[in-house]
Amino acid sequence: MSKTGKHEQGVGFVVRNSIMSSIKRFMPVNERLCYLHMAGWNFDICIINGYAPTEDQEEEVKNIFYEDLERLFDSLPNNCIKIIAGDLNAKNIHKHTWTAPDGKMKSQIDYIIIDKRHQTSIKNVRSYKGADGDTDNFLVIASLSLKLSTIWRKKQQLNTAHKLDRSKLRDQKEIMEYQNKIKEGLNSFNIIQGDLINVIEWTQIKVSLNKAAETLRVTKGKSNNHWFDNECRDAIKNQKAERVKMIQNPSTSNLQEYAEFRARSNRIIRQKKRASEKNALNDIESYKKDPKIFFEKCKSIKEGFKSRTYLMTNDDGNLISDPKMINKFQTYFENLLNNKSDDETNNTDESGEPAEDQIYVTVEPEVPEPSLEEIKSIVESLKNNKAPGEDNINPELLKLAGRDLLENLHKTISTIWEHEKLEKGWNTAIICPIYKKGDPKKVENYRGISLLDT
C-alpha cells in the first residue's frame, strides 16, 4: 500500500494445496519482484514474478527494476528451469493483454519468458479475455509439459470431529438421545462379551462415548460469507455480461453501462457486508452474560481471518511440508523436552564417575479404592471448554453421559486399582504447537501444550 492509501505494486503466488509439498523456497525480493522454487522430476523449476514500472515512471526507476531482475535471474541455479512471468510493459499488437479504461489503447504487458533450451517445455500460451478478475488486465495461462516431484501428500481436510456444538449441550432432547445411545452401546457390548469379562474395558467406553456424541459435534464448517446471497450473485452475473459486451464492442455507451453495473455490484456487496457486520455486533451483545462466547466472537472480529501455516523452513532455509514438517516439530520438541536437568548432569561422585542410584523408601498410608460417589464428584468438578486428548472425549461428554457410564467407568478404575496398571492411552499426550510471535515458518517460534485424556 502506498503513502496515499492506494493498493499499488506488490507481487505473489497462489499455489494449490495438492502441490504445496513440491515448493522448496519462496523469496520476496522487493515490492516488484519475488520468486518461487519448486522441486521438479528432472529439473527444479524457478518462477520469477515481476511487476515492471509503468511508462510514466522515471527512467531511473525502470533501470533499477531491470537491474534487480537481471541480478535475481543470474543468482538462481543454472541447472533449473527459469521462468519469468508478470506485468512487463511492451508494444501494442493484436495479442494484447491490457486495455486502457477508455477501451481504445491496447497493449501486451503480461509475459511468460523461459530459457531457450527449455522452450520446448511450453505447449501453449494465450490470454483469456473471458476471465473476469475486476481488473483491466487479462488472464494469461501457459501450459507446460513438466513433472513435479512425486512427494506423497495427505489430502487436506477440515478436521472438526472434536468440536462440540455448544447449543446442543443445553438441549434436553439432545442430551436424552445422547444418554440412550451410550446405554445401547454399553448393553450391546455386555451381551456380546457375556461372562468372558467382568467389566467393560476402557476402549469400549471410549468407542461408545464417541459414537453417541456424533450428534453433538459440528459436522462441517460454516460458510464465512453467508451474507453473499442471490442478490449479490445476480449483480455479479449482470456485471460479467456487460463486461463481455464491452470487450466485444468498446463503444462509449457500452463502457459507460459497464461502469454503472460495476459500481452497482460493488455497492450491493458493500451494503450486504456492512449489514452482516452490524448483525454480528448485535449477536455479540446477546452473549454479554456468557463471557467465553462473548470474548471469542470479539476476538474473531478483531483479528479477522488467519490462514493455516502449510509450510515451514528447515535448517537450510528451504520450505518443507507434510510429513517433513511433522518430523521437524518432533525433533524440536524432543530436544526441548528431553534435556537433562542440572541435577542429572551433576550426579557424579568425587572421581567423576556416575554415582550409584540411590533408593528412597517412603511409608505411604493405605488408600482405599475410589467409590462411585467419588468418581461422580470428580467428573462433575471437571472444567468445561477444554480440548480433548487422543481419546477425543471432552469433559462435557462425561458430565452428560449419565449414571450407566459412570458405573462402568467406576468398574474400570477399580480393576486398574486392583492390578496397578494404567490404560496405555492415559499416558499418551498430544503436543500441539501454538504460534507465539515472529516468523510462523520457524519451529522456534512455537510453544507446545500437552493434551491428556480427560
Protein backbone atom coordinates (compact mmCIF):
# COMPACT_ATOMS: atom_id res chain seq x y z
CA MET A 1 0.00 0.00 0.00
CA SER A 2 1.38 3.41 -0.96
CA LYS A 3 1.60 6.51 1.23
CA THR A 4 -1.62 7.82 -0.31
CA GLY A 5 -3.52 4.76 0.92
CA LYS A 6 -3.89 3.13 -2.50
CA HIS A 7 -3.04 -0.50 -3.13
CA GLU A 8 -0.15 -0.29 -5.58
CA GLN A 9 2.58 -2.69 -6.74
CA GLY A 10 3.02 -5.98 -4.88
CA VAL A 11 3.62 -9.48 -6.32
CA GLY A 12 2.95 -13.01 -5.11
CA PHE A 13 1.90 -16.57 -5.96
CA VAL A 14 -1.28 -18.55 -5.41
CA VAL A 15 -0.40 -22.26 -5.05
CA ARG A 16 -2.77 -25.20 -4.99
CA ASN A 17 -2.62 -27.28 -1.82
CA SER A 18 -2.04 -30.50 -3.77
CA ILE A 19 1.39 -29.29 -4.99
CA MET A 20 2.38 -27.46 -1.82
CA SER A 21 4.82 -30.24 -0.90
CA SER A 22 6.85 -29.55 -4.07
CA ILE A 23 7.69 -25.99 -3.01
CA LYS A 24 11.24 -25.63 -1.73
CA ARG A 25 11.52 -21.87 -1.31
CA PHE A 26 9.57 -18.63 -1.71
CA MET A 27 11.60 -15.45 -1.64
CA PRO A 28 10.15 -11.91 -1.85
CA VAL A 29 12.90 -9.64 -3.20
CA ASN A 30 11.05 -6.31 -3.10
CA GLU A 31 7.61 -4.89 -3.84
CA ARG A 32 8.10 -5.63 -7.57
CA LEU A 33 9.95 -8.97 -7.60
CA CYS A 34 9.66 -12.39 -5.97
CA TYR A 35 10.41 -15.96 -6.98
CA LEU A 36 9.19 -19.48 -6.26
CA HIS A 37 11.48 -22.53 -6.25
CA MET A 38 9.72 -25.86 -6.91
CA ALA A 39 11.11 -29.40 -6.92
CA GLY A 40 10.73 -31.00 -10.37
CA TRP A 41 11.10 -34.55 -11.66
CA ASN A 42 14.29 -33.99 -13.68
CA PHE A 43 14.90 -30.28 -13.14
CA ASP A 44 13.86 -27.88 -10.42
CA ILE A 45 11.62 -25.02 -11.53
CA CYS A 46 12.20 -21.37 -10.56
CA ILE A 47 9.42 -18.91 -11.41
CA ILE A 48 10.12 -15.18 -11.14
CA ASN A 49 7.12 -12.89 -10.75
CA GLY A 50 7.74 -9.29 -11.77
CA TYR A 51 5.75 -6.07 -11.93
CA ALA A 52 7.55 -3.57 -14.15
CA PRO A 53 7.21 0.21 -13.69
CA THR A 54 4.71 1.91 -15.98
CA GLU A 55 5.65 4.26 -18.81
CA ASP A 56 5.06 7.38 -16.71
CA GLN A 57 7.74 6.34 -14.21
CA GLU A 58 11.18 7.92 -14.25
CA GLU A 59 13.91 6.26 -16.28
CA GLU A 60 15.97 5.63 -13.15
CA VAL A 61 13.13 3.61 -11.57
CA LYS A 62 12.88 1.44 -14.69
CA ASN A 63 16.62 0.83 -14.80
CA ILE A 64 16.68 -0.20 -11.13
CA PHE A 65 13.86 -2.70 -11.73
CA TYR A 66 15.54 -4.39 -14.69
CA GLU A 67 18.89 -4.45 -12.90
CA ASP A 68 17.25 -6.18 -9.94
CA LEU A 69 15.51 -8.60 -12.31
CA GLU A 70 18.77 -9.47 -14.07
CA ARG A 71 20.60 -9.87 -10.77
CA LEU A 72 17.87 -12.18 -9.45
CA PHE A 73 17.84 -14.25 -12.65
CA ASP A 74 21.63 -14.74 -12.54
CA SER A 75 21.56 -15.72 -8.85
CA LEU A 76 19.27 -18.71 -9.47
CA PRO A 77 20.85 -22.16 -10.06
CA ASN A 78 21.84 -22.83 -13.67
CA ASN A 79 20.61 -26.42 -13.59
CA CYS A 80 16.96 -25.43 -13.03
CA ILE A 81 14.25 -24.25 -15.42
CA LYS A 82 13.90 -20.48 -15.09
CA ILE A 83 10.61 -18.81 -15.96
CA ILE A 84 9.84 -15.09 -15.81
CA ALA A 85 6.17 -14.14 -15.60
CA GLY A 86 4.44 -10.92 -14.79
CA ASP A 87 3.35 -7.47 -15.85
CA LEU A 88 6.08 -6.20 -18.20
CA ASN A 89 5.30 -3.15 -20.33
CA ALA A 90 5.59 -3.71 -24.10
CA LYS A 91 4.11 -2.93 -27.51
CA ASN A 92 0.64 -2.52 -28.99
CA ILE A 93 -0.24 -5.64 -31.03
CA HIS A 94 -3.23 -7.90 -31.65
CA LYS A 95 -2.40 -10.30 -28.79
CA HIS A 96 -3.00 -7.60 -26.19
CA THR A 97 -3.31 -8.44 -22.52
CA TRP A 98 -4.23 -4.97 -21.21
CA THR A 99 -6.90 -2.45 -22.20
CA ALA A 100 -6.98 1.16 -21.07
CA PRO A 101 -10.11 2.42 -19.27
CA ASP A 102 -11.20 4.27 -22.43
CA GLY A 103 -11.23 0.96 -24.35
CA LYS A 104 -9.11 2.36 -27.19
CA MET A 105 -5.50 1.89 -26.15
CA LYS A 106 -4.40 -1.76 -26.01
CA SER A 107 -1.03 -3.24 -25.16
CA GLN A 108 0.69 -6.53 -24.41
CA ILE A 109 2.25 -6.12 -20.99
CA ASP A 110 1.91 -9.60 -19.44
CA TYR A 111 4.60 -12.08 -20.46
CA ILE A 112 5.84 -15.58 -19.70
CA ILE A 113 9.54 -15.97 -20.55
CA ILE A 114 11.59 -19.18 -20.36
CA ASP A 115 15.16 -20.30 -21.08
CA LYS A 116 15.72 -21.09 -24.75
CA ARG A 117 16.99 -24.60 -24.01
CA HIS A 118 13.74 -25.38 -22.14
CA GLN A 119 11.35 -23.63 -24.53
CA THR A 120 10.00 -26.97 -25.78
CA SER A 121 8.52 -27.49 -22.31
CA ILE A 122 5.90 -24.83 -23.04
CA LYS A 123 2.99 -26.25 -25.01
CA ASN A 124 0.82 -23.15 -25.30
CA VAL A 125 0.49 -19.56 -24.03
CA ARG A 126 -2.61 -17.47 -24.55
CA SER A 127 -4.67 -14.71 -22.97
CA TYR A 128 -8.26 -15.28 -21.81
CA LYS A 129 -10.48 -12.22 -22.08
CA GLY A 130 -13.47 -14.01 -20.58
CA ALA A 131 -11.87 -14.41 -17.14
CA ASP A 132 -13.20 -11.55 -15.02
CA GLY A 133 -10.90 -10.51 -12.20
CA ASP A 134 -12.36 -6.98 -11.95
CA THR A 135 -9.17 -5.55 -13.45
CA ASP A 136 -8.04 -4.02 -16.73
CA ASN A 137 -5.59 -6.92 -17.26
CA PHE A 138 -6.49 -10.17 -18.99
CA LEU A 139 -5.63 -13.60 -17.65
CA VAL A 140 -2.56 -15.23 -19.27
CA ILE A 141 -2.22 -19.02 -18.99
CA ALA A 142 0.74 -21.16 -20.03
CA SER A 143 0.60 -24.95 -20.41
CA LEU A 144 3.89 -26.66 -19.52
CA SER A 145 4.86 -30.29 -20.02
CA LEU A 146 6.80 -30.53 -16.76
CA LYS A 147 6.54 -33.03 -13.92
CA LEU A 148 6.79 -32.06 -10.29
CA SER A 149 8.48 -34.32 -7.78
CA THR A 150 6.15 -37.09 -6.64
CA ILE A 151 6.01 -36.38 -2.93
CA TRP A 152 3.18 -38.10 -1.10
CA ARG A 153 0.80 -35.65 0.44
CA LYS A 154 -2.21 -36.37 2.58
CA LYS A 155 -5.38 -34.74 1.33
CA GLN A 156 -6.23 -31.64 3.30
CA GLN A 157 -9.46 -31.97 5.21
CA LEU A 158 -11.09 -29.72 7.72
CA ASN A 159 -10.93 -31.61 10.99
CA THR A 160 -13.96 -30.62 13.04
CA ALA A 161 -14.63 -34.05 14.57
CA HIS A 162 -13.69 -32.98 18.12
CA LYS A 163 -15.64 -29.70 18.11
CA LEU A 164 -18.84 -29.71 20.12
CA ASP A 165 -21.97 -27.81 19.18
CA ARG A 166 -22.45 -25.82 22.39
CA SER A 167 -26.10 -25.06 21.63
CA LYS A 168 -26.95 -28.79 21.63
CA LEU A 169 -25.39 -29.26 25.07
CA ARG A 170 -28.22 -27.15 26.52
CA ASP A 171 -30.96 -29.05 24.65
CA GLN A 172 -32.55 -31.65 26.95
CA LYS A 173 -33.85 -33.64 23.99
CA GLU A 174 -30.34 -33.95 22.54
CA ILE A 175 -28.94 -34.93 25.94
CA MET A 176 -31.54 -37.68 26.43
CA GLU A 177 -30.81 -39.06 22.97
CA TYR A 178 -27.07 -38.99 23.75
CA GLN A 179 -27.54 -40.89 27.03
CA ASN A 180 -29.78 -43.51 25.38
CA LYS A 181 -27.17 -44.16 22.68
CA ILE A 182 -24.49 -44.67 25.33
CA LYS A 183 -26.73 -47.11 27.20
CA GLU A 184 -27.43 -49.07 24.00
CA GLY A 185 -23.73 -49.25 23.16
CA LEU A 186 -22.75 -50.49 26.62
CA ASN A 187 -25.58 -53.04 26.76
CA SER A 188 -24.73 -54.46 23.34
CA PHE A 189 -21.14 -54.93 24.43
CA ASN A 190 -22.24 -56.75 27.59
CA ILE A 191 -24.42 -59.12 25.55
CA ILE A 192 -21.64 -59.90 23.07
CA GLN A 193 -18.96 -60.48 25.70
CA GLY A 194 -21.15 -62.44 28.16
CA ASP A 195 -19.14 -63.93 31.01
CA LEU A 196 -15.77 -63.57 29.28
CA ILE A 197 -15.01 -60.41 31.22
CA ASN A 198 -16.29 -58.91 34.43
CA VAL A 199 -16.05 -55.23 33.48
CA ILE A 200 -16.19 -53.16 30.35
CA GLU A 201 -12.80 -52.20 29.01
CA TRP A 202 -11.93 -48.53 28.70
CA THR A 203 -11.58 -48.87 24.94
CA GLN A 204 -15.25 -49.86 24.66
CA ILE A 205 -16.31 -46.98 26.90
CA LYS A 206 -14.35 -44.65 24.62
CA VAL A 207 -15.97 -46.10 21.49
CA SER A 208 -19.46 -45.86 22.99
CA LEU A 209 -18.93 -42.25 24.04
CA ASN A 210 -17.56 -41.10 20.68
CA LYS A 211 -20.23 -42.92 18.71
CA ALA A 212 -23.03 -41.47 20.82
CA ALA A 213 -21.52 -37.96 20.67
CA GLU A 214 -21.61 -37.76 16.86
CA THR A 215 -24.92 -35.88 17.00
CA LEU A 216 -23.47 -33.34 19.47
CA ARG A 217 -20.46 -32.45 17.32
CA VAL A 218 -20.08 -30.00 14.47
CA THR A 219 -20.24 -31.99 11.24
CA LYS A 220 -18.98 -29.36 8.78
CA GLY A 221 -17.52 -25.89 8.73
CA LYS A 222 -19.81 -22.92 8.37
CA SER A 223 -19.54 -20.55 5.41
CA ASN A 224 -17.89 -17.26 6.31
CA ASN A 225 -19.58 -15.28 3.52
CA HIS A 226 -23.16 -16.14 4.45
CA TRP A 227 -24.11 -12.57 3.53
CA PHE A 228 -23.28 -13.26 -0.14
CA ASP A 229 -26.85 -14.06 -1.26
CA ASN A 230 -28.67 -14.34 -4.60
CA GLU A 231 -28.87 -10.57 -4.96
CA CYS A 232 -25.07 -10.36 -4.89
CA ARG A 233 -24.78 -13.24 -7.36
CA ASP A 234 -27.22 -11.60 -9.78
CA ALA A 235 -25.31 -8.31 -9.58
CA ILE A 236 -22.01 -10.06 -10.38
CA LYS A 237 -23.66 -12.01 -13.20
CA ASN A 238 -25.02 -8.81 -14.79
CA GLN A 239 -21.62 -7.14 -14.43
CA LYS A 240 -19.92 -10.02 -16.26
CA ALA A 241 -22.49 -9.86 -19.07
CA GLU A 242 -21.87 -6.13 -19.53
CA ARG A 243 -18.12 -6.74 -19.49
CA VAL A 244 -18.39 -9.25 -22.34
CA LYS A 245 -20.47 -6.74 -24.31
CA MET A 246 -17.90 -4.01 -23.62
CA ILE A 247 -15.00 -6.21 -24.76
CA GLN A 248 -16.77 -7.14 -27.99
CA ASN A 249 -17.78 -3.55 -28.75
CA PRO A 250 -15.83 -0.96 -26.68
CA SER A 251 -18.12 1.95 -27.58
CA THR A 252 -18.69 4.90 -25.27
CA SER A 253 -22.18 3.73 -24.30
CA ASN A 254 -21.01 0.18 -23.55
CA LEU A 255 -18.12 1.48 -21.45
CA GLN A 256 -20.50 3.70 -19.50
CA GLU A 257 -23.00 0.88 -18.95
CA TYR A 258 -20.26 -1.46 -17.73
CA ALA A 259 -19.01 1.19 -15.30
CA GLU A 260 -22.56 1.62 -13.95
CA PHE A 261 -23.11 -2.13 -13.49
CA ARG A 262 -19.70 -2.48 -11.85
CA ALA A 263 -20.43 0.36 -9.41
CA ARG A 264 -23.87 -1.11 -8.69
CA SER A 265 -22.50 -4.59 -7.89
CA ASN A 266 -19.80 -3.12 -5.64
CA ARG A 267 -22.43 -1.04 -3.84
CA ILE A 268 -24.71 -4.04 -3.26
CA ILE A 269 -21.85 -6.19 -1.95
CA ARG A 270 -20.66 -3.37 0.31
CA GLN A 271 -24.17 -2.87 1.75
CA LYS A 272 -24.65 -6.60 2.36
CA LYS A 273 -21.31 -6.86 4.10
CA ARG A 274 -21.99 -3.88 6.34
CA ALA A 275 -25.42 -5.27 7.28
CA SER A 276 -23.79 -8.60 8.14
CA GLU A 277 -21.21 -6.87 10.35
CA LYS A 278 -23.99 -4.96 12.12
CA ASN A 279 -25.89 -8.19 12.77
CA ALA A 280 -22.69 -9.77 14.10
CA LEU A 281 -22.29 -6.92 16.60
CA ASN A 282 -25.89 -7.34 17.75
CA ASP A 283 -25.24 -11.07 18.11
CA ILE A 284 -22.21 -10.37 20.29
CA GLU A 285 -24.28 -8.16 22.60
CA SER A 286 -26.73 -11.02 23.15
CA TYR A 287 -23.88 -13.08 24.68
CA LYS A 288 -22.87 -10.45 27.25
CA LYS A 289 -23.87 -12.87 30.05
CA ASP A 290 -21.68 -15.64 28.59
CA PRO A 291 -18.10 -14.29 28.81
CA LYS A 292 -16.46 -17.15 26.90
CA ILE A 293 -18.60 -16.87 23.76
CA PHE A 294 -18.62 -13.06 24.04
CA PHE A 295 -14.83 -12.72 24.01
CA GLU A 296 -14.42 -15.45 21.37
CA LYS A 297 -16.65 -13.53 18.96
CA CYS A 298 -14.95 -10.22 19.80
CA LYS A 299 -11.56 -11.80 19.13
CA SER A 300 -12.68 -13.26 15.78
CA ILE A 301 -13.83 -9.81 14.59
CA LYS A 302 -10.74 -8.05 15.92
CA GLU A 303 -8.16 -10.45 14.50
CA GLY A 304 -10.03 -11.44 11.34
CA PHE A 305 -9.12 -14.46 9.24
CA LYS A 306 -5.85 -16.27 9.96
CA SER A 307 -4.65 -18.72 7.35
CA ARG A 308 -3.15 -22.04 8.35
CA THR A 309 0.62 -22.46 8.01
CA TYR A 310 1.20 -25.25 5.49
CA LEU A 311 4.96 -24.74 5.10
CA MET A 312 7.91 -24.50 7.48
CA THR A 313 11.62 -23.89 6.95
CA ASN A 314 14.31 -26.46 7.69
CA ASP A 315 17.85 -25.79 8.92
CA ASP A 316 18.95 -24.87 5.38
CA GLY A 317 16.17 -22.33 4.94
CA ASN A 318 14.24 -24.45 2.42
CA LEU A 319 10.48 -24.82 2.68
CA ILE A 320 9.13 -28.18 3.83
CA SER A 321 5.61 -29.59 4.27
CA ASP A 322 3.99 -32.81 5.49
CA PRO A 323 5.43 -35.19 6.59
CA LYS A 324 8.82 -33.45 6.87
CA MET A 325 7.18 -30.62 8.78
CA ILE A 326 5.88 -33.09 11.39
CA ASN A 327 9.34 -34.64 11.74
CA LYS A 328 10.81 -31.17 12.22
CA PHE A 329 8.40 -30.41 15.07
CA GLN A 330 9.05 -33.85 16.57
CA THR A 331 12.81 -33.29 16.63
CA TYR A 332 12.40 -29.79 18.05
CA PHE A 333 10.15 -30.84 20.94
CA GLU A 334 12.26 -33.93 21.69
CA ASN A 335 15.34 -31.76 22.12
CA LEU A 336 13.37 -29.19 24.10
CA LEU A 337 11.59 -31.54 26.49
CA ASN A 338 14.23 -34.24 26.94
CA ASN A 339 17.12 -32.03 28.03
CA LYS A 340 18.76 -33.35 31.19
CA SER A 341 18.48 -31.15 34.25
CA ASP A 342 21.48 -29.87 36.20
CA ASP A 343 20.82 -32.40 38.97
CA GLU A 344 21.04 -35.27 36.48
CA THR A 345 24.18 -33.99 34.76
CA ASN A 346 25.93 -33.30 38.10
CA ASN A 347 25.03 -36.69 39.60
CA THR A 348 28.65 -37.89 39.84
CA ASP A 349 30.94 -38.89 42.69
CA GLU A 350 34.28 -37.33 43.64
CA SER A 351 36.16 -39.32 40.98
CA GLY A 352 33.87 -38.06 38.25
CA GLU A 353 32.20 -41.43 37.77
CA PRO A 354 28.39 -41.67 37.71
CA ALA A 355 27.07 -42.03 41.24
CA GLU A 356 25.22 -45.17 42.17
CA ASP A 357 21.45 -44.95 42.08
CA GLN A 358 20.02 -44.08 45.45
CA ILE A 359 16.79 -45.68 46.51
CA TYR A 360 14.42 -43.73 48.71
CA VAL A 361 11.79 -45.69 50.59
CA THR A 362 8.79 -43.84 51.99
CA VAL A 363 5.87 -45.11 54.01
CA GLU A 364 2.55 -44.29 52.38
CA PRO A 365 -0.80 -44.69 54.09
CA GLU A 366 -3.13 -47.31 52.69
CA VAL A 367 -5.68 -45.61 50.45
CA PRO A 368 -8.90 -47.47 49.60
CA GLU A 369 -10.10 -47.66 46.03
CA PRO A 370 -12.35 -44.78 44.95
CA SER A 371 -16.07 -45.21 45.38
CA LEU A 372 -18.77 -44.49 42.82
CA GLU A 373 -19.66 -41.24 44.58
CA GLU A 374 -16.04 -40.10 44.43
CA ILE A 375 -15.89 -40.83 40.69
CA LYS A 376 -19.12 -38.90 40.21
CA SER A 377 -17.80 -35.94 42.22
CA ILE A 378 -14.55 -35.86 40.22
CA VAL A 379 -16.40 -35.95 36.89
CA GLU A 380 -18.71 -33.12 37.97
CA SER A 381 -15.70 -31.00 39.01
CA LEU A 382 -14.08 -31.20 35.55
CA LYS A 383 -13.71 -27.84 33.81
CA ASN A 384 -15.68 -27.23 30.65
CA ASN A 385 -14.38 -25.92 27.31
CA LYS A 386 -11.15 -27.92 27.49
CA ALA A 387 -9.59 -29.56 24.43
CA PRO A 388 -9.70 -33.38 24.46
CA GLY A 389 -6.73 -35.73 24.27
CA GLU A 390 -6.18 -38.64 21.92
CA ASP A 391 -9.45 -40.26 23.08
CA ASN A 392 -11.39 -37.28 21.63
CA ILE A 393 -13.61 -37.10 24.75
CA ASN A 394 -14.46 -33.63 26.06
CA PRO A 395 -15.24 -33.13 29.78
CA GLU A 396 -18.82 -32.18 28.86
CA LEU A 397 -19.38 -35.61 27.30
CA LEU A 398 -18.53 -37.35 30.58
CA LYS A 399 -20.71 -34.99 32.61
CA LEU A 400 -23.76 -35.59 30.41
CA ALA A 401 -23.21 -39.34 29.93
CA GLY A 402 -25.50 -40.49 32.76
CA ARG A 403 -25.23 -42.98 35.61
CA ASP A 404 -24.79 -46.09 33.40
CA LEU A 405 -21.48 -44.87 32.06
CA LEU A 406 -20.30 -43.72 35.49
CA GLU A 407 -20.92 -47.20 36.90
CA ASN A 408 -18.92 -48.84 34.11
CA LEU A 409 -16.19 -46.22 34.48
CA HIS A 410 -16.05 -47.00 38.20
CA LYS A 411 -15.66 -50.71 37.46
CA THR A 412 -12.82 -50.00 35.03
CA ILE A 413 -10.99 -47.79 37.54
CA SER A 414 -11.47 -50.40 40.27
CA THR A 415 -9.89 -53.04 38.04
CA ILE A 416 -6.97 -50.71 37.29
CA TRP A 417 -6.65 -50.01 41.02
CA GLU A 418 -6.52 -53.73 41.78
CA HIS A 419 -3.97 -54.67 39.11
CA GLU A 420 -1.99 -51.38 39.43
CA LYS A 421 -1.70 -50.99 35.67
CA LEU A 422 -2.93 -47.91 33.82
CA GLU A 423 -4.51 -47.96 30.40
CA LYS A 424 -1.91 -47.26 27.72
CA GLY A 425 -3.77 -44.28 26.29
CA TRP A 426 -3.86 -42.50 29.64
CA ASN A 427 -0.10 -41.97 29.46
CA THR A 428 -0.27 -40.55 25.93
CA ALA A 429 -0.12 -36.78 25.43
CA ILE A 430 -0.69 -34.90 22.19
CA ILE A 431 1.70 -31.96 21.77
CA CYS A 432 0.00 -29.06 19.96
CA PRO A 433 2.29 -26.30 18.62
CA ILE A 434 0.89 -22.85 19.45
CA TYR A 435 2.28 -19.90 17.49
CA LYS A 436 3.84 -17.18 19.66
CA LYS A 437 5.39 -14.42 17.53
CA GLY A 438 7.94 -13.88 14.79
CA ASP A 439 8.21 -15.86 11.57
CA PRO A 440 5.43 -18.52 11.55
CA LYS A 441 7.60 -20.74 9.30
CA LYS A 442 10.18 -21.33 12.07
CA VAL A 443 9.51 -24.01 14.68
CA GLU A 444 11.39 -21.98 17.32
CA ASN A 445 8.50 -19.51 17.33
CA TYR A 446 6.02 -22.09 18.63
CA ARG A 447 5.35 -23.32 22.15
CA GLY A 448 3.91 -26.74 22.81
CA ILE A 449 0.98 -27.65 25.03
CA SER A 450 0.21 -31.24 26.02
CA LEU A 451 -3.33 -32.59 25.74
CA LEU A 452 -4.05 -35.56 28.00
CA ASP A 453 -7.10 -37.80 28.10
CA THR A 454 -9.93 -36.42 30.22
